Amino acid sequence: MNKSARIFEKLKEARLVALLNPKNEEECLQAFEICEAEGIILEIAFRSEFALGGIKAVMQKYPDGLILAGTVMTSHQAK
């Protein structure tokens, strides 16, 4: 199953997405761990200056984790 199909299946299964506008990078990791344990998908809003670092921290610790990036406003952020 490709990554897009995996994401779609996970969204259909969970049916719940939590949105975080982080105040620091550690908050992203903590929120991911709480949401993951409850079967909730976490979306981190890029309107926060801590979003990119927080997403990187989550992916470093949980390379197979599913995390969404929201409020993406530039092509640089999308990459």
C-alpha atoms as a PDB file:
ATOM      1  CA  MET A   1       0.000   0.000   0.000  1.00  0.00           C
ATOM      2  CA  ASN A   2       1.460   3.378  -0.944  1.00  0.00           C
ATOM      3  CA  LYS A   3       1.744   6.213   1.557  1.00  0.00           C
ATOM      4  CA  SER A   4      -1.289   8.147   0.268  1.00  0.00           C
ATOM      5  CA  ALA A   5      -3.494   5.060   0.498  1.00  0.00           C
ATOM      6  CA  ARG A   6      -2.209   4.392   4.021  1.00  0.00           C
ATOM      7  CA  ILE A   7      -3.037   7.937   5.079  1.00  0.00           C
ATOM      8  CA  PHE A   8      -6.526   7.713   3.586  1.00  0.00           C
ATOM      9  CA  GLU A   9      -7.194   4.375   5.310  1.00  0.00           C
ATOM     10  CA  LYS A  10      -5.968   5.750   8.635  1.00  0.00           C
ATOM     11  CA  LEU A  11      -8.222   8.820   8.271  1.00  0.00           C
ATOM     12  CA  LYS A  12     -11.235   6.634   7.476  1.00  0.00           C
ATOM     13  CA  GLU A  13     -10.462   4.452  10.476  1.00  0.00           C
ATOM     14  CA  ALA A  14      -9.747   7.198  13.020  1.00  0.00           C
ATOM     15  CA  ARG A  15     -12.336   9.719  11.805  1.00  0.00           C
ATOM     16  CA  LEU A  16     -10.932  12.212  14.265  1.00  0.00           C
ATOM     17  CA  VAL A  17      -8.164  14.772  13.790  1.00  0.00           C
ATOM     18  CA  ALA A  18      -6.822  16.999  16.565  1.00  0.00           C
ATOM     19  CA  LEU A  19      -5.373  20.361  15.539  1.00  0.00           C
ATOM     20  CA  LEU A  20      -2.407  21.766  17.438  1.00  0.00           C
ATOM     21  CA  ASN A  21      -1.015  25.287  17.204  1.00  0.00           C
ATOM     22  CA  PRO A  22       2.161  24.523  19.173  1.00  0.00           C
ATOM     23  CA  LYS A  23       3.858  26.885  21.597  1.00  0.00           C
ATOM     24  CA  ASN A  24       7.082  24.866  21.412  1.00  0.00           C
ATOM     25  CA  GLU A  25       8.506  21.798  19.679  1.00  0.00           C
ATOM     26  CA  GLU A  26       8.183  19.517  22.723  1.00  0.00           C
ATOM     27  CA  GLU A  27       4.445  20.176  22.768  1.00  0.00           C
ATOM     28  CA  CYS A  28       4.205  18.556  19.319  1.00  0.00           C
ATOM     29  CA  LEU A  29       5.847  15.373  20.543  1.00  0.00           C
ATOM     30  CA  GLN A  30       3.696  15.221  23.665  1.00  0.00           C
ATOM     31  CA  ALA A  31       0.497  15.819  21.698  1.00  0.00           C
ATOM     32  CA  PHE A  32       1.429  13.166  19.133  1.00  0.00           C
ATOM     33  CA  GLU A  33       2.047  10.565  21.829  1.00  0.00           C
ATOM     34  CA  ILE A  34      -1.278  11.312  23.525  1.00  0.00           C
ATOM     35  CA  CYS A  35      -3.229  11.322  20.260  1.00  0.00           C
ATOM     36  CA  GLU A  36      -1.549   8.186  18.921  1.00  0.00           C
ATOM     37  CA  ALA A  37      -2.422   6.277  22.097  1.00  0.00           C
ATOM     38  CA  GLU A  38      -6.072   7.266  21.654  1.00  0.00           C
ATOM     39  CA  GLY A  39      -6.265   6.547  17.917  1.00  0.00           C
ATOM     40  CA  ILE A  40      -6.497  10.240  17.023  1.00  0.00           C
ATOM     41  CA  ILE A  41      -4.532  11.760  14.157  1.00  0.00           C
ATOM     42  CA  LEU A  42      -2.599  14.925  14.996  1.00  0.00           C
ATOM     43  CA  GLU A  43      -2.420  17.900  12.661  1.00  0.00           C
ATOM     44  CA  ILE A  44       0.151  20.581  13.446  1.00  0.00           C
ATOM     45  CA  ALA A  45      -0.620  24.082  12.180  1.00  0.00           C
ATOM     46  CA  PHE A  46       2.179  25.755  10.245  1.00  0.00           C
ATOM     47  CA  ARG A  47       1.002  29.148  11.450  1.00  0.00           C
ATOM     48  CA  SER A  48       3.223  28.388  14.459  1.00  0.00           C
ATOM     49  CA  GLU A  49       6.958  29.010  14.206  1.00  0.00           C
ATOM     50  CA  PHE A  50       7.469  25.696  16.045  1.00  0.00           C
ATOM     51  CA  ALA A  51       5.562  23.521  13.564  1.00  0.00           C
ATOM     52  CA  LEU A  52       8.446  22.398  11.376  1.00  0.00           C
ATOM     53  CA  GLY A  53      10.753  21.586  14.272  1.00  0.00           C
ATOM     54  CA  GLY A  54       7.929  19.805  16.067  1.00  0.00           C
ATOM     55  CA  ILE A  55       7.038  17.693  13.039  1.00  0.00           C
ATOM     56  CA  LYS A  56      10.705  16.793  12.581  1.00  0.00           C
ATOM     57  CA  ALA A  57      10.954  15.788  16.257  1.00  0.00           C
ATOM     58  CA  VAL A  58       7.910  13.533  15.954  1.00  0.00           C
ATOM     59  CA  MET A  59       9.144  11.923  12.739  1.00  0.00           C
ATOM     60  CA  GLN A  60      12.614  11.369  14.200  1.00  0.00           C
ATOM     61  CA  LYS A  61      11.209   9.522  17.213  1.00  0.00           C
ATOM     62  CA  TYR A  62       8.331   7.835  15.333  1.00  0.00           C
ATOM     63  CA  PRO A  63       9.445   7.387  11.700  1.00  0.00           C
ATOM     64  CA  ASP A  64       6.316   5.371  10.847  1.00  0.00           C
ATOM     65  CA  GLY A  65       3.980   7.787  12.609  1.00  0.00           C
ATOM     66  CA  LEU A  66       1.240   9.627  10.765  1.00  0.00           C
ATOM     67  CA  ILE A  67       1.122  13.359  11.377  1.00  0.00           C
ATOM     68  CA  LEU A  68      -0.600  16.021   9.291  1.00  0.00           C
ATOM     69  CA  ALA A  69       0.639  19.528   8.524  1.00  0.00           C
ATOM     70  CA  GLY A  70      -2.076  22.165   8.431  1.00  0.00           C
ATOM     71  CA  THR A  71      -2.236  25.790   7.384  1.00  0.00           C
ATOM     72  CA  VAL A  72       0.540  25.210   4.854  1.00  0.00           C
ATOM     73  CA  MET A  73       0.907  28.540   3.051  1.00  0.00           C
ATOM     74  CA  THR A  74       4.082  28.227   0.978  1.00  0.00           C
ATOM     75  CA  SER A  75       5.648  25.626  -1.284  1.00  0.00           C
ATOM     76  CA  HIS A  76       8.680  25.578   1.038  1.00  0.00           C
ATOM     77  CA  GLN A  77       6.470  24.517   3.951  1.00  0.00           C
ATOM     78  CA  ALA A  78       4.837  21.820   1.811  1.00  0.00           C
ATOM     79  CA  LYS A  79       8.218  20.292   1.022  1.00  0.00           C
END
